[in-house]
Amino acid sequence: MKGYIGEFEELVLLTIASLSENAYGVAIKEDIEKRSDRTISVGALHSTITRLEEKGLIKSWLGEPTQERGGKRKRYFELTHQGKLSLHHMKDLRDELWKLSKATLSLTK
């Protein structure tokens, strides 16, 4: 894997994957906030999305204008093949570390 993805980048990538064809800015923000029980700023999400696009992990396109948005178009996102590879690498790494630390992470006494 080229480069490292941080925790928030991983959350954004996984959220884009889970939202599928409904992965656009507001939906991504709301989904992350709901699932993680934390508030994120639009700026933090925007800069993360920009960084993920620059790394080649996601791609975007503009949808059709809608009346409910006053003729504005939504920007949709999807994972690239490299984005999927990066997520699989992170999952493998986490799984390996969880297995290695299983005994010391036990919550039972």
PDB file of N, CA and C in Angstrom:
ATOM      1  N   MET A   1       0.851  -1.181   0.000  1.00  0.00           N
ATOM      2  CA  MET A   1       0.000   0.000   0.000  1.00  0.00           C
ATOM      3  C   MET A   1       0.888   1.233   0.000  1.00  0.00           C
ATOM      4  N   LYS A   2       0.549   2.181  -0.816  1.00  0.00           N
ATOM      5  CA  LYS A   2       1.289   3.427  -0.919  1.00  0.00           C
ATOM      6  C   LYS A   2       0.708   4.421   0.085  1.00  0.00           C
ATOM      7  N   GLY A   3       1.519   4.845   1.043  1.00  0.00           N
ATOM      8  CA  GLY A   3       1.037   5.810   2.018  1.00  0.00           C
ATOM      9  C   GLY A   3       0.202   5.169   3.113  1.00  0.00           C
ATOM     10  N   TYR A   4      -0.173   5.996   4.045  1.00  0.00           N
ATOM     11  CA  TYR A   4      -0.923   5.572   5.209  1.00  0.00           C
ATOM     12  C   TYR A   4      -2.268   6.282   5.207  1.00  0.00           C
ATOM     13  N   ILE A   5      -3.326   5.589   5.610  1.00  0.00           N
ATOM     14  CA  ILE A   5      -4.596   6.275   5.778  1.00  0.00           C
ATOM     15  C   ILE A   5      -4.894   6.364   7.272  1.00  0.00           C
ATOM     16  N   GLY A   6      -5.316   7.523   7.682  1.00  0.00           N
ATOM     17  CA  GLY A   6      -5.631   7.768   9.079  1.00  0.00           C
ATOM     18  C   GLY A   6      -7.011   7.258   9.448  1.00  0.00           C
ATOM     19  N   GLU A   7      -7.314   7.358  10.724  1.00  0.00           N
ATOM     20  CA  GLU A   7      -8.593   6.852  11.256  1.00  0.00           C
ATOM     21  C   GLU A   7      -9.780   7.550  10.603  1.00  0.00           C
ATOM     22  N   PHE A   8      -9.736   8.876  10.479  1.00  0.00           N
ATOM     23  CA  PHE A   8     -10.868   9.584   9.883  1.00  0.00           C
ATOM     24  C   PHE A   8     -10.977   9.286   8.394  1.00  0.00           C
ATOM     25  N   GLU A   9      -9.839   9.180   7.721  1.00  0.00           N
ATOM     26  CA  GLU A   9      -9.862   8.808   6.307  1.00  0.00           C
ATOM     27  C   GLU A   9     -10.495   7.429   6.123  1.00  0.00           C
ATOM     28  N   GLU A  10     -10.144   6.510   7.010  1.00  0.00           N
ATOM     29  CA  GLU A  10     -10.719   5.170   6.949  1.00  0.00           C
ATOM     30  C   GLU A  10     -12.233   5.218   7.157  1.00  0.00           C
ATOM     31  N   LEU A  11     -12.681   6.025   8.116  1.00  0.00           N
ATOM     32  CA  LEU A  11     -14.124   6.187   8.343  1.00  0.00           C
ATOM     33  C   LEU A  11     -14.825   6.729   7.102  1.00  0.00           C
ATOM     34  N   VAL A  12     -14.231   7.724   6.473  1.00  0.00           N
ATOM     35  CA  VAL A  12     -14.828   8.311   5.278  1.00  0.00           C
ATOM     36  C   VAL A  12     -14.880   7.286   4.145  1.00  0.00           C
ATOM     37  N   LEU A  13     -13.793   6.561   3.932  1.00  0.00           N
ATOM     38  CA  LEU A  13     -13.775   5.537   2.877  1.00  0.00           C
ATOM     39  C   LEU A  13     -14.831   4.464   3.121  1.00  0.00           C
ATOM     40  N   LEU A  14     -14.911   3.981   4.344  1.00  0.00           N
ATOM     41  CA  LEU A  14     -15.895   2.939   4.662  1.00  0.00           C
ATOM     42  C   LEU A  14     -17.323   3.460   4.533  1.00  0.00           C
ATOM     43  N   THR A  15     -17.526   4.716   4.892  1.00  0.00           N
ATOM     44  CA  THR A  15     -18.861   5.305   4.765  1.00  0.00           C
ATOM     45  C   THR A  15     -19.246   5.456   3.302  1.00  0.00           C
ATOM     46  N   ILE A  16     -18.310   5.893   2.477  1.00  0.00           N
ATOM     47  CA  ILE A  16     -18.581   5.986   1.038  1.00  0.00           C
ATOM     48  C   ILE A  16     -18.954   4.606   0.495  1.00  0.00           C
ATOM     49  N   ALA A  17     -18.214   3.587   0.906  1.00  0.00           N
ATOM     50  CA  ALA A  17     -18.513   2.222   0.448  1.00  0.00           C
ATOM     51  C   ALA A  17     -19.894   1.778   0.911  1.00  0.00           C
ATOM     52  N   SER A  18     -20.244   2.090   2.152  1.00  0.00           N
ATOM     53  CA  SER A  18     -21.534   1.622   2.679  1.00  0.00           C
ATOM     54  C   SER A  18     -22.711   2.394   2.084  1.00  0.00           C
ATOM     55  N   LEU A  19     -22.506   3.660   1.733  1.00  0.00           N
ATOM     56  CA  LEU A  19     -23.600   4.449   1.140  1.00  0.00           C
ATOM     57  C   LEU A  19     -23.797   4.153  -0.337  1.00  0.00           C
ATOM     58  N   SER A  20     -22.804   3.563  -0.957  1.00  0.00           N
ATOM     59  CA  SER A  20     -22.868   3.169  -2.370  1.00  0.00           C
ATOM     60  C   SER A  20     -23.239   4.361  -3.257  1.00  0.00           C
ATOM     61  N   GLU A  21     -24.330   4.247  -4.017  1.00  0.00           N
ATOM     62  CA  GLU A  21     -24.692   5.304  -4.967  1.00  0.00           C
ATOM     63  C   GLU A  21     -25.243   6.557  -4.289  1.00  0.00           C
ATOM     64  N   ASN A  22     -25.438   6.525  -2.979  1.00  0.00           N
ATOM     65  CA  ASN A  22     -25.922   7.694  -2.236  1.00  0.00           C
ATOM     66  C   ASN A  22     -24.801   8.404  -1.482  1.00  0.00           C
ATOM     67  N   ALA A  23     -23.560   8.182  -1.887  1.00  0.00           N
ATOM     68  CA  ALA A  23     -22.410   8.767  -1.187  1.00  0.00           C
ATOM     69  C   ALA A  23     -22.125  10.172  -1.702  1.00  0.00           C
ATOM     70  N   TYR A  24     -22.696  11.166  -1.042  1.00  0.00           N
ATOM     71  CA  TYR A  24     -22.415  12.568  -1.329  1.00  0.00           C
ATOM     72  C   TYR A  24     -22.177  13.270   0.001  1.00  0.00           C
ATOM     73  N   GLY A  25     -21.638  14.466  -0.029  1.00  0.00           N
ATOM     74  CA  GLY A  25     -21.160  15.162   1.155  1.00  0.00           C
ATOM     75  C   GLY A  25     -22.039  15.105   2.392  1.00  0.00           C
ATOM     76  N   VAL A  26     -23.269  15.599   2.287  1.00  0.00           N
ATOM     77  CA  VAL A  26     -24.154  15.664   3.453  1.00  0.00           C
ATOM     78  C   VAL A  26     -24.466  14.267   3.980  1.00  0.00           C
ATOM     79  N   ALA A  27     -24.719  13.326   3.093  1.00  0.00           N
ATOM     80  CA  ALA A  27     -25.037  11.957   3.521  1.00  0.00           C
ATOM     81  C   ALA A  27     -23.839  11.322   4.232  1.00  0.00           C
ATOM     82  N   ILE A  28     -22.639  11.569   3.728  1.00  0.00           N
ATOM     83  CA  ILE A  28     -21.432  11.029   4.363  1.00  0.00           C
ATOM     84  C   ILE A  28     -21.282  11.613   5.760  1.00  0.00           C
ATOM     85  N   LYS A  29     -21.417  12.935   5.866  1.00  0.00           N
ATOM     86  CA  LYS A  29     -21.285  13.622   7.156  1.00  0.00           C
ATOM     87  C   LYS A  29     -22.307  13.100   8.162  1.00  0.00           C
ATOM     88  N   GLU A  30     -23.561  13.032   7.759  1.00  0.00           N
ATOM     89  CA  GLU A  30     -24.624  12.578   8.663  1.00  0.00           C
ATOM     90  C   GLU A  30     -24.420  11.127   9.093  1.00  0.00           C
ATOM     91  N   ASP A  31     -24.005  10.282   8.173  1.00  0.00           N
ATOM     92  CA  ASP A  31     -23.808   8.868   8.502  1.00  0.00           C
ATOM     93  C   ASP A  31     -22.657   8.688   9.497  1.00  0.00           C
ATOM     94  N   ILE A  32     -21.563   9.385   9.270  1.00  0.00           N
ATOM     95  CA  ILE A  32     -20.430   9.282  10.196  1.00  0.00           C
ATOM     96  C   ILE A  32     -20.828   9.799  11.576  1.00  0.00           C
ATOM     97  N   GLU A  33     -21.535  10.920  11.611  1.00  0.00           N
ATOM     98  CA  GLU A  33     -21.950  11.489  12.895  1.00  0.00           C
ATOM     99  C   GLU A  33     -22.883  10.538  13.642  1.00  0.00           C
ATOM    100  N   LYS A  34     -23.799   9.934  12.927  1.00  0.00           N
ATOM    101  CA  LYS A  34     -24.752   9.004  13.555  1.00  0.00           C
ATOM    102  C   LYS A  34     -24.039   7.762  14.086  1.00  0.00           C
ATOM    103  N   ARG A  35     -23.191   7.181  13.284  1.00  0.00           N
ATOM    104  CA  ARG A  35     -22.531   5.929  13.681  1.00  0.00           C
ATOM    105  C   ARG A  35     -21.446   6.135  14.739  1.00  0.00           C
ATOM    106  N   SER A  36     -20.739   7.245  14.673  1.00  0.00           N
ATOM    107  CA  SER A  36     -19.616   7.451  15.590  1.00  0.00           C
ATOM    108  C   SER A  36     -19.998   8.274  16.815  1.00  0.00           C
ATOM    109  N   ASP A  37     -21.203   8.814  16.816  1.00  0.00           N
ATOM    110  CA  ASP A  37     -21.681   9.656  17.915  1.00  0.00           C
ATOM    111  C   ASP A  37     -20.714  10.804  18.175  1.00  0.00           C
ATOM    112  N   ARG A  38     -20.270  11.423  17.084  1.00  0.00           N
ATOM    113  CA  ARG A  38     -19.411  12.596  17.200  1.00  0.00           C
ATOM    114  C   ARG A  38     -19.773  13.581  16.106  1.00  0.00           C
ATOM    115  N   THR A  39     -19.504  14.844  16.351  1.00  0.00           N
ATOM    116  CA  THR A  39     -19.795  15.895  15.388  1.00  0.00           C
ATOM    117  C   THR A  39     -18.540  16.149  14.554  1.00  0.00           C
ATOM    118  N   ILE A  40     -18.739  16.259  13.252  1.00  0.00           N
ATOM    119  CA  ILE A  40     -17.618  16.592  12.374  1.00  0.00           C
ATOM    120  C   ILE A  40     -17.962  17.862  11.606  1.00  0.00           C
ATOM    121  N   SER A  41     -16.970  18.649  11.317  1.00  0.00           N
ATOM    122  CA  SER A  41     -17.212  19.878  10.570  1.00  0.00           C
ATOM    123  C   SER A  41     -17.204  19.585   9.071  1.00  0.00           C
ATOM    124  N   VAL A  42     -17.908  20.427   8.346  1.00  0.00           N
ATOM    125  CA  VAL A  42     -17.919  20.310   6.888  1.00  0.00           C
ATOM    126  C   VAL A  42     -16.503  20.494   6.356  1.00  0.00           C
ATOM    127  N   GLY A  43     -15.751  21.405   6.965  1.00  0.00           N
ATOM    128  CA  GLY A  43     -14.374  21.662   6.531  1.00  0.00           C
ATOM    129  C   GLY A  43     -13.474  20.451   6.689  1.00  0.00           C
ATOM    130  N   ALA A  44     -13.616  19.755   7.833  1.00  0.00           N
ATOM    131  CA  ALA A  44     -12.801  18.556   8.062  1.00  0.00           C
ATOM    132  C   ALA A  44     -13.134  17.481   7.035  1.00  0.00           C
ATOM    133  N   LEU A  45     -14.426  17.317   6.755  1.00  0.00           N
ATOM    134  CA  LEU A  45     -14.839  16.327   5.759  1.00  0.00           C
ATOM    135  C   LEU A  45     -14.334  16.726   4.379  1.00  0.00           C
ATOM    136  N   HIS A  46     -14.489  17.990   4.029  1.00  0.00           N
ATOM    137  CA  HIS A  46     -14.067  18.462   2.707  1.00  0.00           C
ATOM    138  C   HIS A  46     -12.569  18.269   2.498  1.00  0.00           C
ATOM    139  N   SER A  47     -11.763  18.635   3.489  1.00  0.00           N
ATOM    140  CA  SER A  47     -10.314  18.491   3.318  1.00  0.00           C
ATOM    141  C   SER A  47      -9.912  17.015   3.251  1.00  0.00           C
ATOM    142  N   THR A  48     -10.611  16.171   3.990  1.00  0.00           N
ATOM    143  CA  THR A  48     -10.326  14.731   3.944  1.00  0.00           C
ATOM    144  C   THR A  48     -10.691  14.156   2.583  1.00  0.00           C
ATOM    145  N   ILE A  49     -11.845  14.537   2.065  1.00  0.00           N
ATOM    146  CA  ILE A  49     -12.274  14.065   0.745  1.00  0.00           C
ATOM    147  C   ILE A  49     -11.288  14.531  -0.330  1.00  0.00           C
ATOM    148  N   THR A  50     -10.854  15.776  -0.233  1.00  0.00           N
ATOM    149  CA  THR A  50      -9.875  16.292  -1.197  1.00  0.00           C
ATOM    150  C   THR A  50      -8.585  15.482  -1.134  1.00  0.00           C
ATOM    151  N   ARG A  51      -8.131  15.207   0.073  1.00  0.00           N
ATOM    152  CA  ARG A  51      -6.893  14.421   0.256  1.00  0.00           C
ATOM    153  C   ARG A  51      -7.060  13.006  -0.290  1.00  0.00           C
ATOM    154  N   LEU A  52      -8.215  12.384  -0.058  1.00  0.00           N
ATOM    155  CA  LEU A  52      -8.464  11.027  -0.560  1.00  0.00           C
ATOM    156  C   LEU A  52      -8.494  10.999  -2.088  1.00  0.00           C
ATOM    157  N   GLU A  53      -9.049  12.052  -2.686  1.00  0.00           N
ATOM    158  CA  GLU A  53      -9.039  12.138  -4.155  1.00  0.00           C
ATOM    159  C   GLU A  53      -7.616  12.316  -4.668  1.00  0.00           C
ATOM    160  N   GLU A  54      -6.837  13.152  -3.996  1.00  0.00           N
ATOM    161  CA  GLU A  54      -5.448  13.372  -4.415  1.00  0.00           C
ATOM    162  C   GLU A  54      -4.618  12.100  -4.302  1.00  0.00           C
ATOM    163  N   LYS A  55      -4.922  11.279  -3.308  1.00  0.00           N
ATOM    164  CA  LYS A  55      -4.224  10.002  -3.133  1.00  0.00           C
ATOM    165  C   LYS A  55      -4.707   8.947  -4.124  1.00  0.00           C
ATOM    166  N   GLY A  56      -5.782   9.241  -4.846  1.00  0.00           N
ATOM    167  CA  GLY A  56      -6.329   8.291  -5.811  1.00  0.00           C
ATOM    168  C   GLY A  56      -7.183   7.206  -5.179  1.00  0.00           C
ATOM    169  N   LEU A  57      -7.686   7.451  -3.973  1.00  0.00           N
ATOM    170  CA  LEU A  57      -8.471   6.435  -3.265  1.00  0.00           C
ATOM    171  C   LEU A  57      -9.969   6.552  -3.528  1.00  0.00           C
ATOM    172  N   ILE A  58     -10.403   7.741  -3.971  1.00  0.00           N
ATOM    173  CA  ILE A  58     -11.801   7.942  -4.360  1.00  0.00           C
ATOM    174  C   ILE A  58     -11.838   8.766  -5.641  1.00  0.00           C
ATOM    175  N   LYS A  59     -12.976   8.712  -6.302  1.00  0.00           N
ATOM    176  CA  LYS A  59     -13.220   9.595  -7.443  1.00  0.00           C
ATOM    177  C   LYS A  59     -14.609  10.193  -7.263  1.00  0.00           C
ATOM    178  N   SER A  60     -14.849  11.308  -7.939  1.00  0.00           N
ATOM    179  CA  SER A  60     -16.131  11.984  -7.777  1.00  0.00           C
ATOM    180  C   SER A  60     -16.683  12.432  -9.118  1.00  0.00           C
ATOM    181  N   TRP A  61     -17.964  12.733  -9.111  1.00  0.00           N
ATOM    182  CA  TRP A  61     -18.640  13.278 -10.283  1.00  0.00           C
ATOM    183  C   TRP A  61     -19.849  14.055  -9.811  1.00  0.00           C
ATOM    184  N   LEU A  62     -20.332  14.936 -10.667  1.00  0.00           N
ATOM    185  CA  LEU A  62     -21.507  15.733 -10.338  1.00  0.00           C
ATOM    186  C   LEU A  62     -22.761  15.049 -10.851  1.00  0.00           C
ATOM    187  N   GLY A  63     -23.772  14.988  -9.987  1.00  0.00           N
ATOM    188  CA  GLY A  63     -25.070  14.456 -10.377  1.00  0.00           C
ATOM    189  C   GLY A  63     -25.870  15.516 -11.115  1.00  0.00           C
ATOM    190  N   GLU A  64     -27.081  15.174 -11.433  1.00  0.00           N
ATOM    191  CA  GLU A  64     -27.971  16.103 -12.131  1.00  0.00           C
ATOM    192  C   GLU A  64     -28.501  17.164 -11.162  1.00  0.00           C
ATOM    193  N   PRO A  65     -28.775  18.374 -11.670  1.00  0.00           N
ATOM    194  CA  PRO A  65     -29.369  19.408 -10.817  1.00  0.00           C
ATOM    195  C   PRO A  65     -30.766  18.978 -10.361  1.00  0.00           C
ATOM    196  N   THR A  66     -31.118  19.360  -9.138  1.00  0.00           N
ATOM    197  CA  THR A  66     -32.451  19.014  -8.621  1.00  0.00           C
ATOM    198  C   THR A  66     -33.156  20.278  -8.146  1.00  0.00           C
ATOM    199  N   GLN A  67     -34.494  20.255  -8.219  1.00  0.00           N
ATOM    200  CA  GLN A  67     -35.286  21.407  -7.773  1.00  0.00           C
ATOM    201  C   GLN A  67     -35.148  21.620  -6.277  1.00  0.00           C
ATOM    202  N   GLU A  68     -35.121  20.513  -5.505  1.00  0.00           N
ATOM    203  CA  GLU A  68     -35.034  20.651  -4.052  1.00  0.00           C
ATOM    204  C   GLU A  68     -33.730  21.312  -3.605  1.00  0.00           C
ATOM    205  N   ARG A  69     -32.724  21.299  -4.458  1.00  0.00           N
ATOM    206  CA  ARG A  69     -31.447  21.954  -4.139  1.00  0.00           C
ATOM    207  C   ARG A  69     -31.300  23.263  -4.919  1.00  0.00           C
ATOM    208  N   GLY A  70     -32.408  23.776  -5.428  1.00  0.00           N
ATOM    209  CA  GLY A  70     -32.365  25.057  -6.145  1.00  0.00           C
ATOM    210  C   GLY A  70     -31.555  24.994  -7.424  1.00  0.00           C
ATOM    211  N   GLY A  71     -31.563  23.855  -8.074  1.00  0.00           N
ATOM    212  CA  GLY A  71     -30.830  23.683  -9.328  1.00  0.00           C
ATOM    213  C   GLY A  71     -29.368  23.305  -9.142  1.00  0.00           C
ATOM    214  N   LYS A  72     -28.947  23.159  -7.884  1.00  0.00           N
ATOM    215  CA  LYS A  72     -27.557  22.751  -7.625  1.00  0.00           C
ATOM    216  C   LYS A  72     -27.395  21.252  -7.835  1.00  0.00           C
ATOM    217  N   ARG A  73     -26.169  20.871  -8.149  1.00  0.00           N
ATOM    218  CA  ARG A  73     -25.852  19.457  -8.367  1.00  0.00           C
ATOM    219  C   ARG A  73     -25.067  18.927  -7.176  1.00  0.00           C
ATOM    220  N   LYS A  74     -25.331  17.678  -6.818  1.00  0.00           N
ATOM    221  CA  LYS A  74     -24.586  17.018  -5.740  1.00  0.00           C
ATOM    222  C   LYS A  74     -23.317  16.405  -6.323  1.00  0.00           C
ATOM    223  N   ARG A  75     -22.249  16.421  -5.526  1.00  0.00           N
ATOM    224  CA  ARG A  75     -21.013  15.722  -5.904  1.00  0.00           C
ATOM    225  C   ARG A  75     -21.046  14.357  -5.229  1.00  0.00           C
ATOM    226  N   TYR A  76     -20.994  13.311  -6.035  1.00  0.00           N
ATOM    227  CA  TYR A  76     -21.027  11.932  -5.546  1.00  0.00           C
ATOM    228  C   TYR A  76     -19.612  11.359  -5.532  1.00  0.00           C
ATOM    229  N   PHE A  77     -19.403  10.392  -4.645  1.00  0.00           N
ATOM    230  CA  PHE A  77     -18.086   9.788  -4.477  1.00  0.00           C
ATOM    231  C   PHE A  77     -18.175   8.273  -4.537  1.00  0.00           C
ATOM    232  N   GLU A  78     -17.097   7.654  -5.015  1.00  0.00           N
ATOM    233  CA  GLU A  78     -16.975   6.201  -4.971  1.00  0.00           C
ATOM    234  C   GLU A  78     -15.511   5.841  -4.795  1.00  0.00           C
ATOM    235  N   LEU A  79     -15.293   4.646  -4.264  1.00  0.00           N
ATOM    236  CA  LEU A  79     -13.930   4.168  -4.062  1.00  0.00           C
ATOM    237  C   LEU A  79     -13.319   3.758  -5.393  1.00  0.00           C
ATOM    238  N   THR A  80     -12.041   4.002  -5.522  1.00  0.00           N
ATOM    239  CA  THR A  80     -11.295   3.472  -6.657  1.00  0.00           C
ATOM    240  C   THR A  80     -10.775   2.087  -6.243  1.00  0.00           C
ATOM    241  N   HIS A  81     -10.185   1.400  -7.185  1.00  0.00           N
ATOM    242  CA  HIS A  81      -9.585   0.104  -6.868  1.00  0.00           C
ATOM    243  C   HIS A  81      -8.515   0.273  -5.792  1.00  0.00           C
ATOM    244  N   GLN A  82      -7.708   1.336  -5.904  1.00  0.00           N
ATOM    245  CA  GLN A  82      -6.670   1.610  -4.907  1.00  0.00           C
ATOM    246  C   GLN A  82      -7.283   1.886  -3.539  1.00  0.00           C
ATOM    247  N   GLY A  83      -8.430   2.552  -3.514  1.00  0.00           N
ATOM    248  CA  GLY A  83      -9.122   2.803  -2.253  1.00  0.00           C
ATOM    249  C   GLY A  83      -9.566   1.514  -1.592  1.00  0.00           C
ATOM    250  N   LYS A  84     -10.071   0.595  -2.399  1.00  0.00           N
ATOM    251  CA  LYS A  84     -10.490  -0.717  -1.867  1.00  0.00           C
ATOM    252  C   LYS A  84      -9.283  -1.487  -1.339  1.00  0.00           C
ATOM    253  N   LEU A  85      -8.184  -1.445  -2.096  1.00  0.00           N
ATOM    254  CA  LEU A  85      -6.961  -2.125  -1.648  1.00  0.00           C
ATOM    255  C   LEU A  85      -6.473  -1.554  -0.316  1.00  0.00           C
ATOM    256  N   SER A  86      -6.509  -0.244  -0.189  1.00  0.00           N
ATOM    257  CA  SER A  86      -6.071   0.403   1.047  1.00  0.00           C
ATOM    258  C   SER A  86      -6.916  -0.029   2.233  1.00  0.00           C
ATOM    259  N   LEU A  87      -8.222  -0.099   2.037  1.00  0.00           N
ATOM    260  CA  LEU A  87      -9.106  -0.540   3.125  1.00  0.00           C
ATOM    261  C   LEU A  87      -8.849  -1.994   3.499  1.00  0.00           C
ATOM    262  N   HIS A  88      -8.648  -2.843   2.508  1.00  0.00           N
ATOM    263  CA  HIS A  88      -8.361  -4.251   2.794  1.00  0.00           C
ATOM    264  C   HIS A  88      -7.044  -4.382   3.555  1.00  0.00           C
ATOM    265  N   HIS A  89      -6.052  -3.585   3.164  1.00  0.00           N
ATOM    266  CA  HIS A  89      -4.767  -3.616   3.861  1.00  0.00           C
ATOM    267  C   HIS A  89      -4.943  -3.204   5.323  1.00  0.00           C
ATOM    268  N   MET A  90      -5.689  -2.141   5.559  1.00  0.00           N
ATOM    269  CA  MET A  90      -5.917  -1.680   6.930  1.00  0.00           C
ATOM    270  C   MET A  90      -6.686  -2.729   7.740  1.00  0.00           C
ATOM    271  N   LYS A  91      -7.661  -3.364   7.140  1.00  0.00           N
ATOM    272  CA  LYS A  91      -8.423  -4.399   7.846  1.00  0.00           C
ATOM    273  C   LYS A  91      -7.518  -5.578   8.203  1.00  0.00           C
ATOM    274  N   ASP A  92      -6.699  -6.011   7.249  1.00  0.00           N
ATOM    275  CA  ASP A  92      -5.771  -7.112   7.516  1.00  0.00           C
ATOM    276  C   ASP A  92      -4.816  -6.759   8.650  1.00  0.00           C
ATOM    277  N   LEU A  93      -4.296  -5.541   8.622  1.00  0.00           N
ATOM    278  CA  LEU A  93      -3.391  -5.089   9.666  1.00  0.00           C
ATOM    279  C   LEU A  93      -4.083  -5.068  11.023  1.00  0.00           C
ATOM    280  N   ARG A  94      -5.282  -4.522  11.070  1.00  0.00           N
ATOM    281  CA  ARG A  94      -6.038  -4.477  12.336  1.00  0.00           C
ATOM    282  C   ARG A  94      -6.358  -5.885  12.830  1.00  0.00           C
ATOM    283  N   ASP A  95      -6.798  -6.764  11.932  1.00  0.00           N
ATOM    284  CA  ASP A  95      -7.119  -8.146  12.326  1.00  0.00           C
ATOM    285  C   ASP A  95      -5.893  -8.844  12.910  1.00  0.00           C
ATOM    286  N   GLU A  96      -4.754  -8.649  12.266  1.00  0.00           N
ATOM    287  CA  GLU A  96      -3.512  -9.261  12.745  1.00  0.00           C
ATOM    288  C   GLU A  96      -3.160  -8.747  14.148  1.00  0.00           C
ATOM    289  N   LEU A  97      -3.275  -7.446  14.339  1.00  0.00           N
ATOM    290  CA  LEU A  97      -2.960  -6.864  15.646  1.00  0.00           C
ATOM    291  C   LEU A  97      -3.952  -7.295  16.720  1.00  0.00           C
ATOM    292  N   TRP A  98      -5.233  -7.418  16.362  1.00  0.00           N
ATOM    293  CA  TRP A  98      -6.233  -7.896  17.323  1.00  0.00           C
ATOM    294  C   TRP A  98      -5.920  -9.329  17.752  1.00  0.00           C
ATOM    295  N   LYS A  99      -5.559 -10.169  16.787  1.00  0.00           N
ATOM    296  CA  LYS A  99      -5.214 -11.555  17.129  1.00  0.00           C
ATOM    297  C   LYS A  99      -4.014 -11.608  18.060  1.00  0.00           C
ATOM    298  N   LEU A 100      -3.004 -10.799  17.768  1.00  0.00           N
ATOM    299  CA  LEU A 100      -1.782 -10.795  18.583  1.00  0.00           C
ATOM    300  C   LEU A 100      -2.019 -10.250  19.988  1.00  0.00           C
ATOM    301  N   SER A 101      -2.940  -9.344  20.129  1.00  0.00           N
ATOM    302  CA  SER A 101      -3.170  -8.711  21.424  1.00  0.00           C
ATOM    303  C   SER A 101      -4.398  -9.238  22.156  1.00  0.00           C
ATOM    304  N   LYS A 102      -4.977 -10.308  21.655  1.00  0.00           N
ATOM    305  CA  LYS A 102      -6.214 -10.875  22.203  1.00  0.00           C
ATOM    306  C   LYS A 102      -6.144 -11.095  23.716  1.00  0.00           C
ATOM    307  N   ALA A 103      -5.086 -11.698  24.186  1.00  0.00           N
ATOM    308  CA  ALA A 103      -4.970 -12.021  25.613  1.00  0.00           C
ATOM    309  C   ALA A 103      -4.921 -10.754  26.457  1.00  0.00           C
ATOM    310  N   THR A 104      -4.197  -9.761  26.018  1.00  0.00           N
ATOM    311  CA  THR A 104      -4.050  -8.571  26.849  1.00  0.00           C
ATOM    312  C   THR A 104      -5.227  -7.606  26.712  1.00  0.00           C
ATOM    313  N   LEU A 105      -6.103  -7.820  25.747  1.00  0.00           N
ATOM    314  CA  LEU A 105      -7.265  -6.973  25.586  1.00  0.00           C
ATOM    315  C   LEU A 105      -8.536  -7.565  26.177  1.00  0.00           C
ATOM    316  N   SER A 106      -8.419  -8.699  26.785  1.00  0.00           N
ATOM    317  CA  SER A 106      -9.585  -9.347  27.376  1.00  0.00           C
ATOM    318  C   SER A 106     -10.221  -8.435  28.426  1.00  0.00           C
ATOM    319  N   LEU A 107     -11.533  -8.323  28.401  1.00  0.00           N
ATOM    320  CA  LEU A 107     -12.240  -7.467  29.358  1.00  0.00           C
ATOM    321  C   LEU A 107     -12.649  -8.251  30.610  1.00  0.00           C
ATOM    322  N   THR A 108     -12.482  -9.573  30.586  1.00  0.00           N
ATOM    323  CA  THR A 108     -12.794 -10.374  31.772  1.00  0.00           C
ATOM    324  C   THR A 108     -11.560 -10.437  32.646  1.00  0.00           C
ATOM    325  N   LYS A 109     -11.803 -10.520  33.956  1.00  0.00           N
ATOM    326  CA  LYS A 109     -10.660 -10.551  34.897  1.00  0.00           C
ATOM    327  C   LYS A 109     -10.244 -11.952  35.211  1.00  0.00           C
TER     328      LYS A 109
END
